PDB file of N, CA and C in Angstrom:
ATOM      1  N   UNK A   1       0.846  -1.169   0.000  1.00  0.00           N
ATOM      2  CA  UNK A   1       0.000   0.000   0.000  1.00  0.00           C
ATOM      3  C   UNK A   1       0.895   1.237   0.000  1.00  0.00           C
ATOM      4  N   UNK A   2       0.612   2.168  -0.882  1.00  0.00           N
ATOM      5  CA  UNK A   2       1.439   3.369  -0.936  1.00  0.00           C
ATOM      6  C   UNK A   2       1.186   4.244   0.287  1.00  0.00           C
ATOM      7  N   UNK A   3       2.165   5.081   0.573  1.00  0.00           N
ATOM      8  CA  UNK A   3       2.084   5.965   1.726  1.00  0.00           C
ATOM      9  C   UNK A   3       0.852   6.871   1.650  1.00  0.00           C
ATOM     10  N   UNK A   4       0.501   7.327   0.446  1.00  0.00           N
ATOM     11  CA  UNK A   4      -0.615   8.270   0.296  1.00  0.00           C
ATOM     12  C   UNK A   4      -1.973   7.596   0.468  1.00  0.00           C
ATOM     13  N   UNK A   5      -2.046   6.269   0.348  1.00  0.00           N
ATOM     14  CA  UNK A   5      -3.304   5.549   0.503  1.00  0.00           C
ATOM     15  C   UNK A   5      -3.442   4.874   1.859  1.00  0.00           C
ATOM     16  N   UNK A   6      -2.433   5.037   2.719  1.00  0.00           N
ATOM     17  CA  UNK A   6      -2.447   4.378   4.022  1.00  0.00           C
ATOM     18  C   UNK A   6      -3.651   4.838   4.824  1.00  0.00           C
ATOM     19  N   UNK A   7      -4.371   3.888   5.427  1.00  0.00           N
ATOM     20  CA  UNK A   7      -5.607   4.198   6.142  1.00  0.00           C
ATOM     21  C   UNK A   7      -5.399   5.073   7.375  1.00  0.00           C
ATOM     22  N   UNK A   8      -4.191   5.075   7.949  1.00  0.00           N
ATOM     23  CA  UNK A   8      -3.951   5.874   9.149  1.00  0.00           C
ATOM     24  C   UNK A   8      -3.688   7.345   8.890  1.00  0.00           C
ATOM     25  N   UNK A   9      -3.587   7.757   7.635  1.00  0.00           N
ATOM     26  CA  UNK A   9      -3.285   9.157   7.302  1.00  0.00           C
ATOM     27  C   UNK A   9      -4.298  10.132   7.898  1.00  0.00           C
ATOM     28  N   UNK A  10      -5.532   9.720   8.010  1.00  0.00           N
ATOM     29  CA  UNK A  10      -6.579  10.615   8.508  1.00  0.00           C
ATOM     30  C   UNK A  10      -6.348  11.036   9.957  1.00  0.00           C
ATOM     31  N   UNK A  11      -5.524  10.296  10.688  1.00  0.00           N
ATOM     32  CA  UNK A  11      -5.279  10.587  12.094  1.00  0.00           C
ATOM     33  C   UNK A  11      -3.993  11.371  12.338  1.00  0.00           C
ATOM     34  N   UNK A  12      -3.272  11.705  11.281  1.00  0.00           N
ATOM     35  CA  UNK A  12      -1.988  12.381  11.411  1.00  0.00           C
ATOM     36  C   UNK A  12      -2.147  13.858  11.080  1.00  0.00           C
ATOM     37  N   UNK A  13      -1.524  14.706  11.872  1.00  0.00           N
ATOM     38  CA  UNK A  13      -1.549  16.148  11.652  1.00  0.00           C
ATOM     39  C   UNK A  13      -1.095  16.449  10.219  1.00  0.00           C
ATOM     40  N   UNK A  14      -1.800  17.312   9.497  1.00  0.00           N
ATOM     41  CA  UNK A  14      -1.445  17.625   8.102  1.00  0.00           C
ATOM     42  C   UNK A  14      -0.025  18.158   7.933  1.00  0.00           C
ATOM     43  N   UNK A  15       0.491  18.860   8.948  1.00  0.00           N
ATOM     44  CA  UNK A  15       1.871  19.367   8.849  1.00  0.00           C
ATOM     45  C   UNK A  15       2.871  18.215   8.863  1.00  0.00           C
ATOM     46  N   UNK A  16       2.600  17.198   9.683  1.00  0.00           N
ATOM     47  CA  UNK A  16       3.468  16.025   9.713  1.00  0.00           C
ATOM     48  C   UNK A  16       3.330  15.216   8.428  1.00  0.00           C
ATOM     49  N   UNK A  17       2.117  15.126   7.914  1.00  0.00           N
ATOM     50  CA  UNK A  17       1.927  14.426   6.641  1.00  0.00           C
ATOM     51  C   UNK A  17       2.736  15.084   5.530  1.00  0.00           C
ATOM     52  N   UNK A  18       2.785  16.410   5.537  1.00  0.00           N
ATOM     53  CA  UNK A  18       3.564  17.123   4.519  1.00  0.00           C
ATOM     54  C   UNK A  18       5.048  16.757   4.631  1.00  0.00           C
ATOM     55  N   UNK A  19       5.570  16.657   5.853  1.00  0.00           N
ATOM     56  CA  UNK A  19       6.964  16.259   6.060  1.00  0.00           C
ATOM     57  C   UNK A  19       7.206  14.836   5.590  1.00  0.00           C
ATOM     58  N   UNK A  20       6.304  13.946   5.926  1.00  0.00           N
ATOM     59  CA  UNK A  20       6.442  12.545   5.524  1.00  0.00           C
ATOM     60  C   UNK A  20       6.430  12.447   4.001  1.00  0.00           C
ATOM     61  N   UNK A  21       5.467  13.104   3.377  1.00  0.00           N
ATOM     62  CA  UNK A  21       5.357  13.052   1.920  1.00  0.00           C
ATOM     63  C   UNK A  21       6.588  13.653   1.250  1.00  0.00           C
ATOM     64  N   UNK A  22       7.098  14.756   1.793  1.00  0.00           N
ATOM     65  CA  UNK A  22       8.308  15.369   1.238  1.00  0.00           C
ATOM     66  C   UNK A  22       9.486  14.414   1.348  1.00  0.00           C
ATOM     67  N   UNK A  23       9.627  13.758   2.486  1.00  0.00           N
ATOM     68  CA  UNK A  23      10.760  12.846   2.684  1.00  0.00           C
ATOM     69  C   UNK A  23      10.710  11.675   1.715  1.00  0.00           C
ATOM     70  N   UNK A  24       9.514  11.240   1.346  1.00  0.00           N
ATOM     71  CA  UNK A  24       9.374  10.122   0.407  1.00  0.00           C
ATOM     72  C   UNK A  24       9.833  10.506  -0.995  1.00  0.00           C
ATOM     73  N   UNK A  25       9.803  11.794  -1.320  1.00  0.00           N
ATOM     74  CA  UNK A  25      10.171  12.264  -2.660  1.00  0.00           C
ATOM     75  C   UNK A  25      11.658  12.581  -2.784  1.00  0.00           C
ATOM     76  N   UNK A  26      12.328  12.788  -1.650  1.00  0.00           N
ATOM     77  CA  UNK A  26      13.743  13.161  -1.669  1.00  0.00           C
ATOM     78  C   UNK A  26      14.625  11.949  -1.943  1.00  0.00           C
ATOM     79  N   UNK A  27      15.777  12.208  -2.550  1.00  0.00           N
ATOM     80  CA  UNK A  27      16.755  11.143  -2.764  1.00  0.00           C
ATOM     81  C   UNK A  27      17.266  10.697  -1.403  1.00  0.00           C
ATOM     82  N   UNK A  28      17.367   9.387  -1.218  1.00  0.00           N
ATOM     83  CA  UNK A  28      17.776   8.893   0.094  1.00  0.00           C
ATOM     84  C   UNK A  28      18.605   7.616  -0.046  1.00  0.00           C
ATOM     85  N   UNK A  29      19.231   7.267   1.055  1.00  0.00           N
ATOM     86  CA  UNK A  29      20.046   6.061   1.142  1.00  0.00           C
ATOM     87  C   UNK A  29      19.533   5.250   2.320  1.00  0.00           C
ATOM     88  N   UNK A  30      18.953   4.100   2.028  1.00  0.00           N
ATOM     89  CA  UNK A  30      18.452   3.197   3.065  1.00  0.00           C
ATOM     90  C   UNK A  30      19.577   2.236   3.411  1.00  0.00           C
ATOM     91  N   UNK A  31      20.010   2.250   4.641  1.00  0.00           N
ATOM     92  CA  UNK A  31      21.122   1.402   5.076  1.00  0.00           C
ATOM     93  C   UNK A  31      20.859  -0.078   4.782  1.00  0.00           C
ATOM     94  N   UNK A  32      19.592  -0.490   4.811  1.00  0.00           N
ATOM     95  CA  UNK A  32      19.252  -1.894   4.585  1.00  0.00           C
ATOM     96  C   UNK A  32      19.499  -2.338   3.151  1.00  0.00           C
ATOM     97  N   UNK A  33      19.740  -1.377   2.242  1.00  0.00           N
ATOM     98  CA  UNK A  33      20.054  -1.719   0.855  1.00  0.00           C
ATOM     99  C   UNK A  33      21.555  -1.863   0.618  1.00  0.00           C
ATOM    100  N   UNK A  34      22.346  -1.637   1.659  1.00  0.00           N
ATOM    101  CA  UNK A  34      23.799  -1.750   1.546  1.00  0.00           C
ATOM    102  C   UNK A  34      24.250  -3.135   1.992  1.00  0.00           C
ATOM    103  N   UNK A  35      25.537  -3.418   1.795  1.00  0.00           N
ATOM    104  CA  UNK A  35      26.126  -4.684   2.226  1.00  0.00           C
ATOM    105  C   UNK A  35      27.222  -4.399   3.243  1.00  0.00           C
ATOM    106  N   UNK A  36      27.534  -5.400   4.021  1.00  0.00           N
ATOM    107  CA  UNK A  36      28.669  -5.273   4.942  1.00  0.00           C
ATOM    108  C   UNK A  36      29.897  -4.911   4.138  1.00  0.00           C
ATOM    109  N   UNK A  37      30.732  -4.051   4.689  1.00  0.00           N
ATOM    110  CA  UNK A  37      31.973  -3.549   4.091  1.00  0.00           C
ATOM    111  C   UNK A  37      31.768  -2.465   3.030  1.00  0.00           C
ATOM    112  N   UNK A  38      30.511  -2.107   2.684  1.00  0.00           N
ATOM    113  CA  UNK A  38      30.301  -0.944   1.819  1.00  0.00           C
ATOM    114  C   UNK A  38      30.781   0.293   2.571  1.00  0.00           C
ATOM    115  N   UNK A  39      31.253   1.290   1.842  1.00  0.00           N
ATOM    116  CA  UNK A  39      31.722   2.533   2.448  1.00  0.00           C
ATOM    117  C   UNK A  39      30.855   3.683   1.948  1.00  0.00           C
ATOM    118  N   UNK A  40      30.383   4.491   2.897  1.00  0.00           N
ATOM    119  CA  UNK A  40      29.535   5.633   2.588  1.00  0.00           C
ATOM    120  C   UNK A  40      30.250   6.891   3.061  1.00  0.00           C
ATOM    121  N   UNK A  41      30.359   7.876   2.176  1.00  0.00           N
ATOM    122  CA  UNK A  41      30.895   9.191   2.550  1.00  0.00           C
ATOM    123  C   UNK A  41      29.732  10.170   2.558  1.00  0.00           C
ATOM    124  N   UNK A  42      29.614  10.910   3.637  1.00  0.00           N
ATOM    125  CA  UNK A  42      28.494  11.835   3.810  1.00  0.00           C
ATOM    126  C   UNK A  42      29.037  13.210   4.157  1.00  0.00           C
ATOM    127  N   UNK A  43      28.804  14.170   3.290  1.00  0.00           N
ATOM    128  CA  UNK A  43      29.255  15.540   3.514  1.00  0.00           C
ATOM    129  C   UNK A  43      28.089  16.376   4.025  1.00  0.00           C
ATOM    130  N   UNK A  44      28.233  16.925   5.237  1.00  0.00           N
ATOM    131  CA  UNK A  44      27.266  17.890   5.749  1.00  0.00           C
ATOM    132  C   UNK A  44      27.834  19.281   5.488  1.00  0.00           C
ATOM    133  N   UNK A  45      27.192  20.303   5.992  1.00  0.00           N
ATOM    134  CA  UNK A  45      27.688  21.657   5.791  1.00  0.00           C
ATOM    135  C   UNK A  45      29.113  21.806   6.303  1.00  0.00           C
ATOM    136  N   UNK A  46      29.414  21.227   7.465  1.00  0.00           N
ATOM    137  CA  UNK A  46      30.709  21.427   8.104  1.00  0.00           C
ATOM    138  C   UNK A  46      31.608  20.196   8.183  1.00  0.00           C
ATOM    139  N   UNK A  47      31.070  19.014   7.948  1.00  0.00           N
ATOM    140  CA  UNK A  47      31.831  17.812   8.270  1.00  0.00           C
ATOM    141  C   UNK A  47      31.679  16.747   7.187  1.00  0.00           C
ATOM    142  N   UNK A  48      32.773  16.039   6.926  1.00  0.00           N
ATOM    143  CA  UNK A  48      32.749  14.863   6.061  1.00  0.00           C
ATOM    144  C   UNK A  48      32.824  13.636   6.957  1.00  0.00           C
ATOM    145  N   UNK A  49      31.820  12.779   6.892  1.00  0.00           N
ATOM    146  CA  UNK A  49      31.795  11.522   7.629  1.00  0.00           C
ATOM    147  C   UNK A  49      32.080  10.390   6.651  1.00  0.00           C
ATOM    148  N   UNK A  50      32.904   9.443   7.055  1.00  0.00           N
ATOM    149  CA  UNK A  50      33.170   8.244   6.268  1.00  0.00           C
ATOM    150  C   UNK A  50      32.765   7.058   7.132  1.00  0.00           C
ATOM    151  N   UNK A  51      31.831   6.256   6.598  1.00  0.00           N
ATOM    152  CA  UNK A  51      31.292   5.138   7.370  1.00  0.00           C
ATOM    153  C   UNK A  51      31.491   3.836   6.618  1.00  0.00           C
ATOM    154  N   UNK A  52      32.076   2.854   7.290  1.00  0.00           N
ATOM    155  CA  UNK A  52      32.176   1.504   6.746  1.00  0.00           C
ATOM    156  C   UNK A  52      31.056   0.691   7.384  1.00  0.00           C
ATOM    157  N   UNK A  53      30.201   0.135   6.569  1.00  0.00           N
ATOM    158  CA  UNK A  53      29.030  -0.591   7.054  1.00  0.00           C
ATOM    159  C   UNK A  53      29.452  -1.929   7.661  1.00  0.00           C
ATOM    160  N   UNK A  54      29.005  -2.168   8.894  1.00  0.00           N
ATOM    161  CA  UNK A  54      29.239  -3.450   9.560  1.00  0.00           C
ATOM    162  C   UNK A  54      28.010  -4.344   9.437  1.00  0.00           C
ATOM    163  N   UNK A  55      26.841  -3.813   9.792  1.00  0.00           N
ATOM    164  CA  UNK A  55      25.593  -4.565   9.725  1.00  0.00           C
ATOM    165  C   UNK A  55      24.501  -3.638   9.192  1.00  0.00           C
ATOM    166  N   UNK A  56      24.112  -3.783   7.925  1.00  0.00           N
ATOM    167  CA  UNK A  56      23.127  -2.877   7.333  1.00  0.00           C
ATOM    168  C   UNK A  56      21.772  -2.898   8.034  1.00  0.00           C
ATOM    169  N   UNK A  57      21.313  -4.059   8.480  1.00  0.00           N
ATOM    170  CA  UNK A  57      20.006  -4.151   9.144  1.00  0.00           C
ATOM    171  C   UNK A  57      19.969  -3.372  10.455  1.00  0.00           C
ATOM    172  N   UNK A  58      21.054  -3.439  11.202  1.00  0.00           N
ATOM    173  CA  UNK A  58      21.127  -2.732  12.478  1.00  0.00           C
ATOM    174  C   UNK A  58      21.647  -1.309  12.325  1.00  0.00           C
ATOM    175  N   UNK A  59      22.216  -0.984  11.161  1.00  0.00           N
ATOM    176  CA  UNK A  59      22.771   0.348  10.932  1.00  0.00           C
ATOM    177  C   UNK A  59      24.107   0.580  11.612  1.00  0.00           C
ATOM    178  N   UNK A  60      24.796  -0.500  11.999  1.00  0.00           N
ATOM    179  CA  UNK A  60      26.080  -0.325  12.670  1.00  0.00           C
ATOM    180  C   UNK A  60      27.181  -0.064  11.655  1.00  0.00           C
ATOM    181  N   UNK A  61      28.078   0.852  12.024  1.00  0.00           N
ATOM    182  CA  UNK A  61      29.162   1.289  11.142  1.00  0.00           C
ATOM    183  C   UNK A  61      30.419   1.557  11.951  1.00  0.00           C
ATOM    184  N   UNK A  62      31.530   1.638  11.253  1.00  0.00           N
ATOM    185  CA  UNK A  62      32.750   2.223  11.797  1.00  0.00           C
ATOM    186  C   UNK A  62      32.805   3.595  11.137  1.00  0.00           C
ATOM    187  N   UNK A  63      32.906   4.645  11.934  1.00  0.00           N
ATOM    188  CA  UNK A  63      32.793   5.992  11.383  1.00  0.00           C
ATOM    189  C   UNK A  63      33.984   6.849  11.786  1.00  0.00           C
ATOM    190  N   UNK A  64      34.416   7.673  10.850  1.00  0.00           N
ATOM    191  CA  UNK A  64      35.445   8.675  11.130  1.00  0.00           C
ATOM    192  C   UNK A  64      35.006   9.964  10.447  1.00  0.00           C
ATOM    193  N   UNK A  65      35.614  11.073  10.853  1.00  0.00           N
ATOM    194  CA  UNK A  65      35.246  12.347  10.242  1.00  0.00           C
ATOM    195  C   UNK A  65      36.383  13.354  10.399  1.00  0.00           C
ATOM    196  N   UNK A  66      36.224  14.471   9.713  1.00  0.00           N
ATOM    197  CA  UNK A  66      37.158  15.577   9.855  1.00  0.00           C
ATOM    198  C   UNK A  66      36.592  16.639  10.793  1.00  0.00           C
ATOM    199  N   UNK A  67      35.553  16.287  11.540  1.00  0.00           N
ATOM    200  CA  UNK A  67      34.878  17.255  12.407  1.00  0.00           C
ATOM    201  C   UNK A  67      35.310  17.151  13.857  1.00  0.00           C
ATOM    202  N   UNK A  68      34.637  17.898  14.689  1.00  0.00           N
ATOM    203  CA  UNK A  68      35.016  17.971  16.099  1.00  0.00           C
ATOM    204  C   UNK A  68      34.335  16.909  16.964  1.00  0.00           C
ATOM    205  N   UNK A  69      33.239  16.312  16.503  1.00  0.00           N
ATOM    206  CA  UNK A  69      32.511  15.348  17.329  1.00  0.00           C
ATOM    207  C   UNK A  69      33.009  13.922  17.159  1.00  0.00           C
ATOM    208  N   UNK A  70      33.486  13.598  15.981  1.00  0.00           N
ATOM    209  CA  UNK A  70      34.018  12.266  15.697  1.00  0.00           C
ATOM    210  C   UNK A  70      35.391  12.467  15.080  1.00  0.00           C
ATOM    211  N   UNK A  71      36.387  11.739  15.572  1.00  0.00           N
ATOM    212  CA  UNK A  71      37.768  11.963  15.133  1.00  0.00           C
ATOM    213  C   UNK A  71      38.057  11.267  13.807  1.00  0.00           C
ATOM    214  N   UNK A  72      39.276  11.445  13.345  1.00  0.00           N
ATOM    215  CA  UNK A  72      39.706  10.783  12.119  1.00  0.00           C
ATOM    216  C   UNK A  72      40.069   9.321  12.365  1.00  0.00           C
ATOM    217  N   UNK A  73      40.051   8.883  13.618  1.00  0.00           N
ATOM    218  CA  UNK A  73      40.269   7.472  13.954  1.00  0.00           C
ATOM    219  C   UNK A  73      38.900   6.783  13.951  1.00  0.00           C
ATOM    220  N   UNK A  74      38.700   5.760  13.126  1.00  0.00           N
ATOM    221  CA  UNK A  74      37.387   5.106  13.068  1.00  0.00           C
ATOM    222  C   UNK A  74      36.924   4.592  14.427  1.00  0.00           C
ATOM    223  N   UNK A  75      35.636   4.814  14.683  1.00  0.00           N
ATOM    224  CA  UNK A  75      35.007   4.373  15.930  1.00  0.00           C
ATOM    225  C   UNK A  75      33.682   3.705  15.603  1.00  0.00           C
ATOM    226  N   UNK A  76      33.249   2.820  16.487  1.00  0.00           N
ATOM    227  CA  UNK A  76      31.957   2.160  16.307  1.00  0.00           C
ATOM    228  C   UNK A  76      30.836   3.188  16.430  1.00  0.00           C
ATOM    229  N   UNK A  77      29.848   3.067  15.569  1.00  0.00           N
ATOM    230  CA  UNK A  77      28.710   3.966  15.607  1.00  0.00           C
ATOM    231  C   UNK A  77      27.502   3.308  14.980  1.00  0.00           C
ATOM    232  N   UNK A  78      26.419   4.044  14.919  1.00  0.00           N
ATOM    233  CA  UNK A  78      25.225   3.526  14.262  1.00  0.00           C
ATOM    234  C   UNK A  78      24.478   4.656  13.579  1.00  0.00           C
ATOM    235  N   UNK A  79      23.820   4.312  12.503  1.00  0.00           N
ATOM    236  CA  UNK A  79      22.971   5.256  11.778  1.00  0.00           C
ATOM    237  C   UNK A  79      21.555   5.001  12.253  1.00  0.00           C
ATOM    238  N   UNK A  80      21.027   5.933  13.039  1.00  0.00           N
ATOM    239  CA  UNK A  80      19.668   5.779  13.555  1.00  0.00           C
ATOM    240  C   UNK A  80      18.644   6.140  12.486  1.00  0.00           C
ATOM    241  N   UNK A  81      18.942   7.181  11.708  1.00  0.00           N
ATOM    242  CA  UNK A  81      18.026   7.619  10.660  1.00  0.00           C
ATOM    243  C   UNK A  81      18.075   9.121  10.506  1.00  0.00           C
ATOM    244  N   UNK A  82      17.128   9.634   9.753  1.00  0.00           N
ATOM    245  CA  UNK A  82      17.037  11.074   9.502  1.00  0.00           C
ATOM    246  C   UNK A  82      15.859  11.636  10.261  1.00  0.00           C
ATOM    247  N   UNK A  83      16.099  12.704  11.008  1.00  0.00           N
ATOM    248  CA  UNK A  83      15.001  13.359  11.707  1.00  0.00           C
ATOM    249  C   UNK A  83      14.257  14.252  10.721  1.00  0.00           C
ATOM    250  N   UNK A  84      12.949  14.099  10.676  1.00  0.00           N
ATOM    251  CA  UNK A  84      12.134  14.876   9.746  1.00  0.00           C
ATOM    252  C   UNK A  84      11.755  16.233  10.317  1.00  0.00           C
ATOM    253  N   UNK A  85      11.752  16.352  11.643  1.00  0.00           N
ATOM    254  CA  UNK A  85      11.310  17.594  12.274  1.00  0.00           C
ATOM    255  C   UNK A  85      12.467  18.448  12.768  1.00  0.00           C
ATOM    256  N   UNK A  86      13.669  17.885  12.818  1.00  0.00           N
ATOM    257  CA  UNK A  86      14.811  18.618  13.350  1.00  0.00           C
ATOM    258  C   UNK A  86      14.953  18.482  14.852  1.00  0.00           C
ATOM    259  N   UNK A  87      13.971  17.868  15.507  1.00  0.00           N
ATOM    260  CA  UNK A  87      14.024  17.709  16.957  1.00  0.00           C
ATOM    261  C   UNK A  87      14.212  16.255  17.382  1.00  0.00           C
ATOM    262  N   UNK A  88      14.204  15.341  16.416  1.00  0.00           N
ATOM    263  CA  UNK A  88      14.351  13.933  16.738  1.00  0.00           C
ATOM    264  C   UNK A  88      13.057  13.251  17.113  1.00  0.00           C
ATOM    265  N   UNK A  89      11.937  13.953  17.008  1.00  0.00           N
ATOM    266  CA  UNK A  89      10.661  13.355  17.384  1.00  0.00           C
ATOM    267  C   UNK A  89      10.053  12.511  16.271  1.00  0.00           C
ATOM    268  N   UNK A  90      10.471  12.731  15.034  1.00  0.00           N
ATOM    269  CA  UNK A  90      10.044  11.900  13.904  1.00  0.00           C
ATOM    270  C   UNK A  90      11.277  11.498  13.135  1.00  0.00           C
ATOM    271  N   UNK A  91      11.591  10.224  13.127  1.00  0.00           N
ATOM    272  CA  UNK A  91      12.812   9.742  12.490  1.00  0.00           C
ATOM    273  C   UNK A  91      12.464   8.681  11.464  1.00  0.00           C
ATOM    274  N   UNK A  92      13.017   8.828  10.257  1.00  0.00           N
ATOM    275  CA  UNK A  92      12.910   7.777   9.248  1.00  0.00           C
ATOM    276  C   UNK A  92      14.087   6.849   9.500  1.00  0.00           C
ATOM    277  N   UNK A  93      13.809   5.689  10.071  1.00  0.00           N
ATOM    278  CA  UNK A  93      14.836   4.783  10.569  1.00  0.00           C
ATOM    279  C   UNK A  93      15.749   4.249   9.472  1.00  0.00           C
ATOM    280  N   UNK A  94      17.057   4.145   9.835  1.00  0.00           N
ATOM    281  CA  UNK A  94      18.097   3.556   8.988  1.00  0.00           C
ATOM    282  C   UNK A  94      18.187   4.194   7.612  1.00  0.00           C
ATOM    283  N   UNK A  95      17.724   5.435   7.493  1.00  0.00           N
ATOM    284  CA  UNK A  95      17.717   6.123   6.206  1.00  0.00           C
ATOM    285  C   UNK A  95      18.400   7.474   6.329  1.00  0.00           C
ATOM    286  N   UNK A  96      19.214   7.791   5.343  1.00  0.00           N
ATOM    287  CA  UNK A  96      19.833   9.107   5.241  1.00  0.00           C
ATOM    288  C   UNK A  96      19.154   9.807   4.069  1.00  0.00           C
ATOM    289  N   UNK A  97      18.449  10.892   4.344  1.00  0.00           N
ATOM    290  CA  UNK A  97      17.767  11.642   3.293  1.00  0.00           C
ATOM    291  C   UNK A  97      18.670  12.789   2.875  1.00  0.00           C
ATOM    292  N   UNK A  98      19.004  12.818   1.591  1.00  0.00           N
ATOM    293  CA  UNK A  98      19.931  13.825   1.080  1.00  0.00           C
ATOM    294  C   UNK A  98      19.228  15.168   0.930  1.00  0.00           C
ATOM    295  N   UNK A  99      19.970  16.222   1.200  1.00  0.00           N
ATOM    296  CA  UNK A  99      19.500  17.602   1.032  1.00  0.00           C
ATOM    297  C   UNK A  99      18.292  17.952   1.883  1.00  0.00           C
ATOM    298  N   UNK A 100      18.076  17.230   2.976  1.00  0.00           N
ATOM    299  CA  UNK A 100      16.992  17.566   3.893  1.00  0.00           C
ATOM    300  C   UNK A 100      17.620  18.260   5.095  1.00  0.00           C
ATOM    301  N   UNK A 101      17.328  19.508   5.250  1.00  0.00           N
ATOM    302  CA  UNK A 101      17.914  20.268   6.355  1.00  0.00           C
ATOM    303  C   UNK A 101      16.818  20.949   7.131  1.00  0.00           C
ATOM    304  N   UNK A 102      16.797  20.712   8.411  1.00  0.00           N
ATOM    305  CA  UNK A 102      15.771  21.311   9.278  1.00  0.00           C
ATOM    306  C   UNK A 102      16.442  22.157  10.302  1.00  0.00           C
TER     307      UNK A 102
END
């Protein structure tokens, strides 16, 4: 069933529906479509993250960056998903949505 025909849509705030619908149209990377040992480079405004996929289903990675929060030495991490609201209250799990900035 497509997202737009889902029976639960009538119970969701229209502003949230707009965010959900927008996220479905944006280019994205679903971690579950990757394989172990795939490498993903993700450039944000300030930081380049390099992630080696350990377990795509769980979103576990070894991650390094040129930023201040994660060092250039790879460390264990996980990709939880993309926050649609900017506050972490709505997250598209295991997915990185490109060019979505809140």
